[in-house]
Amino acid sequence: MQVLPAPTPDDPARSRASADDWLAAARNMMMVRGVDHGRILTLADKLDVWRSSFCWFWRDRAALLTALIDLWRQSNRQEILRQPIAPPVTSPRPC
């Protein structure tokens, strides 16, 4: 069995992930497996990056979850605003 050298921090095989990449990975992981599986190390492995790159964008996992909730609120708000407003339903006779 051949022993491979330990990867270095500048290893090109470990590309850099953006904040959007981290959010997308967290969202996908949590939708499929639940909130408990959205751990930093698990997400880093999924993104094929060093887990320390997480710290460029967030202080901790709670900050990532807060950003994910903000993203969810914003995307849902935009969807609601795109919906046409239905006219009020009127009753044929007074109550």
N, C-alpha and C. Protein backbone atom coordinates (compact mmCIF):
# COMPACT_ATOMS: atom_id res chain seq x y z
N MET A 1 0.84 -1.18 0.00
CA MET A 1 0.00 0.00 0.00
C MET A 1 0.88 1.24 0.00
N GLN A 2 0.60 2.15 -0.89
CA GLN A 2 1.40 3.37 -1.02
C GLN A 2 0.86 4.43 -0.07
N VAL A 3 1.77 5.06 0.65
CA VAL A 3 1.39 6.15 1.55
C VAL A 3 1.52 7.45 0.79
N LEU A 4 0.44 8.18 0.73
CA LEU A 4 0.45 9.47 0.04
C LEU A 4 0.89 10.57 0.98
N PRO A 5 1.55 11.61 0.47
CA PRO A 5 1.96 12.70 1.34
C PRO A 5 0.74 13.46 1.86
N ALA A 6 0.89 14.03 3.04
CA ALA A 6 -0.20 14.81 3.62
C ALA A 6 -0.44 16.04 2.76
N PRO A 7 -1.70 16.39 2.54
CA PRO A 7 -1.98 17.58 1.74
C PRO A 7 -1.50 18.84 2.45
N THR A 8 -1.15 19.81 1.68
CA THR A 8 -0.69 21.09 2.23
C THR A 8 -1.80 22.12 2.09
N PRO A 9 -1.74 23.21 2.87
CA PRO A 9 -2.80 24.21 2.78
C PRO A 9 -2.97 24.82 1.38
N ASP A 10 -1.90 24.82 0.58
CA ASP A 10 -2.01 25.40 -0.76
C ASP A 10 -2.27 24.32 -1.83
N ASP A 11 -2.75 23.17 -1.38
CA ASP A 11 -3.04 22.06 -2.28
C ASP A 11 -4.14 22.47 -3.27
N PRO A 12 -3.86 22.47 -4.58
CA PRO A 12 -4.88 22.87 -5.55
C PRO A 12 -6.06 21.92 -5.60
N ALA A 13 -5.90 20.70 -5.07
CA ALA A 13 -7.02 19.76 -5.05
C ALA A 13 -8.12 20.23 -4.11
N ARG A 14 -7.76 21.06 -3.16
CA ARG A 14 -8.73 21.62 -2.22
C ARG A 14 -9.02 23.05 -2.62
N SER A 15 -9.95 23.21 -3.54
CA SER A 15 -10.27 24.55 -4.04
C SER A 15 -11.00 25.34 -2.96
N ARG A 16 -11.05 26.62 -3.16
CA ARG A 16 -11.69 27.51 -2.19
C ARG A 16 -13.19 27.59 -2.46
N ALA A 17 -13.98 27.54 -1.42
CA ALA A 17 -15.43 27.64 -1.54
C ALA A 17 -15.87 29.04 -1.15
N SER A 18 -16.87 29.55 -1.84
CA SER A 18 -17.42 30.87 -1.51
C SER A 18 -18.47 30.72 -0.41
N ALA A 19 -18.90 31.85 0.11
CA ALA A 19 -19.97 31.85 1.11
C ALA A 19 -21.23 31.21 0.52
N ASP A 20 -21.51 31.52 -0.74
CA ASP A 20 -22.68 30.92 -1.41
C ASP A 20 -22.55 29.41 -1.52
N ASP A 21 -21.32 28.92 -1.76
CA ASP A 21 -21.10 27.47 -1.83
C ASP A 21 -21.40 26.82 -0.48
N TRP A 22 -20.93 27.44 0.60
CA TRP A 22 -21.18 26.92 1.94
C TRP A 22 -22.68 26.91 2.24
N LEU A 23 -23.37 28.01 1.89
CA LEU A 23 -24.81 28.09 2.14
C LEU A 23 -25.58 27.03 1.34
N ALA A 24 -25.21 26.87 0.08
CA ALA A 24 -25.89 25.88 -0.76
C ALA A 24 -25.66 24.47 -0.22
N ALA A 25 -24.43 24.17 0.18
CA ALA A 25 -24.13 22.84 0.72
C ALA A 25 -24.90 22.61 2.02
N ALA A 26 -24.95 23.62 2.88
CA ALA A 26 -25.69 23.49 4.14
C ALA A 26 -27.17 23.30 3.87
N ARG A 27 -27.72 24.08 2.97
CA ARG A 27 -29.15 23.97 2.64
C ARG A 27 -29.46 22.57 2.10
N ASN A 28 -28.66 22.11 1.17
CA ASN A 28 -28.91 20.79 0.57
C ASN A 28 -28.77 19.67 1.60
N MET A 29 -27.73 19.75 2.41
CA MET A 29 -27.50 18.71 3.42
C MET A 29 -28.65 18.67 4.42
N MET A 30 -29.10 19.84 4.85
CA MET A 30 -30.16 19.89 5.85
C MET A 30 -31.51 19.48 5.28
N MET A 31 -31.75 19.77 4.02
CA MET A 31 -33.00 19.35 3.39
C MET A 31 -33.06 17.83 3.26
N VAL A 32 -31.92 17.22 2.99
CA VAL A 32 -31.88 15.77 2.77
C VAL A 32 -31.77 15.01 4.09
N ARG A 33 -30.90 15.48 4.98
CA ARG A 33 -30.58 14.68 6.17
C ARG A 33 -30.96 15.33 7.49
N GLY A 34 -31.40 16.60 7.48
CA GLY A 34 -31.80 17.28 8.71
C GLY A 34 -30.71 18.19 9.24
N VAL A 35 -31.11 19.05 10.18
CA VAL A 35 -30.22 20.08 10.72
C VAL A 35 -29.00 19.48 11.41
N ASP A 36 -29.17 18.36 12.09
CA ASP A 36 -28.05 17.76 12.82
C ASP A 36 -26.90 17.34 11.92
N HIS A 37 -27.17 17.14 10.63
CA HIS A 37 -26.12 16.69 9.72
C HIS A 37 -25.43 17.86 9.02
N GLY A 38 -25.84 19.08 9.30
CA GLY A 38 -25.19 20.24 8.70
C GLY A 38 -23.99 20.69 9.52
N ARG A 39 -23.09 19.80 9.78
CA ARG A 39 -21.88 20.11 10.56
C ARG A 39 -20.79 20.67 9.65
N ILE A 40 -19.92 21.48 10.20
CA ILE A 40 -18.88 22.15 9.42
C ILE A 40 -17.97 21.14 8.73
N LEU A 41 -17.50 20.13 9.45
CA LEU A 41 -16.60 19.14 8.85
C LEU A 41 -17.30 18.37 7.73
N THR A 42 -18.55 18.01 7.94
CA THR A 42 -19.31 17.29 6.92
C THR A 42 -19.47 18.14 5.66
N LEU A 43 -19.78 19.42 5.86
CA LEU A 43 -19.93 20.33 4.72
C LEU A 43 -18.61 20.55 4.00
N ALA A 44 -17.53 20.69 4.77
CA ALA A 44 -16.20 20.87 4.16
C ALA A 44 -15.84 19.66 3.30
N ASP A 45 -16.12 18.48 3.80
CA ASP A 45 -15.85 17.27 3.01
C ASP A 45 -16.68 17.26 1.73
N LYS A 46 -17.94 17.65 1.85
CA LYS A 46 -18.82 17.69 0.67
C LYS A 46 -18.30 18.69 -0.36
N LEU A 47 -17.80 19.83 0.12
CA LEU A 47 -17.27 20.87 -0.78
C LEU A 47 -15.83 20.59 -1.22
N ASP A 48 -15.20 19.61 -0.60
CA ASP A 48 -13.80 19.27 -0.86
C ASP A 48 -12.88 20.46 -0.59
N VAL A 49 -13.09 21.08 0.58
CA VAL A 49 -12.26 22.20 1.02
C VAL A 49 -11.83 21.94 2.46
N TRP A 50 -10.88 22.72 2.93
CA TRP A 50 -10.46 22.64 4.32
C TRP A 50 -11.53 23.27 5.18
N ARG A 51 -11.79 22.67 6.33
CA ARG A 51 -12.84 23.23 7.19
C ARG A 51 -12.48 24.60 7.73
N SER A 52 -11.19 24.93 7.77
CA SER A 52 -10.79 26.26 8.23
C SER A 52 -11.25 27.36 7.28
N SER A 53 -11.55 27.01 6.02
CA SER A 53 -12.04 28.02 5.08
C SER A 53 -13.42 28.53 5.50
N PHE A 54 -14.12 27.74 6.30
CA PHE A 54 -15.41 28.16 6.85
C PHE A 54 -15.27 29.47 7.61
N CYS A 55 -14.15 29.61 8.34
CA CYS A 55 -13.94 30.77 9.21
C CYS A 55 -13.75 32.07 8.45
N TRP A 56 -13.55 32.01 7.16
CA TRP A 56 -13.47 33.25 6.36
C TRP A 56 -14.82 33.93 6.29
N PHE A 57 -15.88 33.15 6.46
CA PHE A 57 -17.23 33.68 6.25
C PHE A 57 -18.07 33.76 7.53
N TRP A 58 -17.90 32.81 8.45
CA TRP A 58 -18.72 32.78 9.66
C TRP A 58 -17.89 32.48 10.88
N ARG A 59 -18.39 32.98 12.01
CA ARG A 59 -17.71 32.79 13.29
C ARG A 59 -17.88 31.35 13.79
N ASP A 60 -19.08 30.80 13.58
CA ASP A 60 -19.37 29.45 14.06
C ASP A 60 -20.57 28.90 13.31
N ARG A 61 -20.97 27.69 13.69
CA ARG A 61 -22.10 27.04 13.01
C ARG A 61 -23.39 27.83 13.20
N ALA A 62 -23.57 28.42 14.36
CA ALA A 62 -24.78 29.21 14.62
C ALA A 62 -24.88 30.38 13.63
N ALA A 63 -23.75 30.99 13.31
CA ALA A 63 -23.75 32.09 12.34
C ALA A 63 -24.13 31.59 10.94
N LEU A 64 -23.67 30.40 10.58
CA LEU A 64 -24.06 29.81 9.30
C LEU A 64 -25.57 29.55 9.27
N LEU A 65 -26.09 29.00 10.35
CA LEU A 65 -27.53 28.73 10.42
C LEU A 65 -28.35 30.02 10.34
N THR A 66 -27.87 31.07 10.98
CA THR A 66 -28.54 32.37 10.90
C THR A 66 -28.53 32.88 9.47
N ALA A 67 -27.40 32.77 8.79
CA ALA A 67 -27.32 33.19 7.39
C ALA A 67 -28.26 32.36 6.51
N LEU A 68 -28.37 31.08 6.82
CA LEU A 68 -29.26 30.20 6.06
C LEU A 68 -30.73 30.59 6.28
N ILE A 69 -31.08 30.93 7.49
CA ILE A 69 -32.45 31.38 7.78
C ILE A 69 -32.72 32.70 7.08
N ASP A 70 -31.75 33.62 7.09
CA ASP A 70 -31.92 34.90 6.38
C ASP A 70 -32.12 34.68 4.88
N LEU A 71 -31.34 33.77 4.31
CA LEU A 71 -31.48 33.45 2.89
C LEU A 71 -32.86 32.86 2.61
N TRP A 72 -33.33 31.99 3.47
CA TRP A 72 -34.65 31.38 3.32
C TRP A 72 -35.74 32.45 3.38
N ARG A 73 -35.63 33.36 4.36
CA ARG A 73 -36.62 34.43 4.48
C ARG A 73 -36.64 35.30 3.23
N GLN A 74 -35.47 35.66 2.75
CA GLN A 74 -35.38 36.53 1.57
C GLN A 74 -35.95 35.84 0.34
N SER A 75 -35.63 34.58 0.14
CA SER A 75 -36.13 33.88 -1.05
C SER A 75 -37.64 33.69 -0.97
N ASN A 76 -38.16 33.41 0.22
CA ASN A 76 -39.61 33.26 0.36
C ASN A 76 -40.32 34.60 0.21
N ARG A 77 -39.72 35.66 0.71
CA ARG A 77 -40.32 36.99 0.57
C ARG A 77 -40.42 37.36 -0.90
N GLN A 78 -39.38 37.09 -1.66
CA GLN A 78 -39.40 37.40 -3.09
C GLN A 78 -40.48 36.60 -3.81
N GLU A 79 -40.64 35.34 -3.43
CA GLU A 79 -41.67 34.49 -4.05
C GLU A 79 -43.06 35.01 -3.74
N ILE A 80 -43.28 35.41 -2.52
CA ILE A 80 -44.59 35.95 -2.13
C ILE A 80 -44.89 37.24 -2.87
N LEU A 81 -43.88 38.10 -3.00
CA LEU A 81 -44.09 39.38 -3.69
C LEU A 81 -44.38 39.20 -5.18
N ARG A 82 -43.92 38.10 -5.77
CA ARG A 82 -44.18 37.84 -7.19
C ARG A 82 -45.59 37.34 -7.45
N GLN A 83 -46.26 36.87 -6.42
CA GLN A 83 -47.61 36.33 -6.58
C GLN A 83 -48.60 37.46 -6.84
N PRO A 84 -49.52 37.26 -7.77
CA PRO A 84 -50.55 38.28 -7.99
C PRO A 84 -51.50 38.34 -6.79
N ILE A 85 -51.99 39.52 -6.54
CA ILE A 85 -52.92 39.70 -5.44
C ILE A 85 -54.33 39.40 -5.95
N ALA A 86 -54.99 38.48 -5.30
CA ALA A 86 -56.34 38.09 -5.70
C ALA A 86 -57.33 39.13 -5.19
N PRO A 87 -58.37 39.38 -5.97
CA PRO A 87 -59.39 40.32 -5.49
C PRO A 87 -60.11 39.72 -4.28
N PRO A 88 -60.62 40.57 -3.40
CA PRO A 88 -61.31 40.05 -2.22
C PRO A 88 -62.57 39.28 -2.62
N VAL A 89 -62.87 38.26 -1.87
CA VAL A 89 -64.06 37.48 -2.12
C VAL A 89 -65.24 38.22 -1.50
N THR A 90 -66.27 38.45 -2.28
CA THR A 90 -67.46 39.13 -1.74
C THR A 90 -68.61 38.17 -1.66
N SER A 91 -69.37 38.36 -0.70
CA SER A 91 -70.54 37.52 -0.48
C SER A 91 -71.70 38.05 -1.34
N PRO A 92 -72.52 37.16 -1.92
CA PRO A 92 -73.61 37.62 -2.78
C PRO A 92 -74.69 38.40 -2.01
N ARG A 93 -74.77 38.19 -0.72
CA ARG A 93 -75.75 38.94 0.06
C ARG A 93 -75.14 39.32 1.40
N PRO A 94 -75.61 40.35 2.01
CA PRO A 94 -75.05 40.76 3.31
C PRO A 94 -75.34 39.72 4.39
N CYS A 95 -74.45 39.63 5.32
CA CYS A 95 -74.62 38.67 6.43
C CYS A 95 -75.48 39.23 7.52
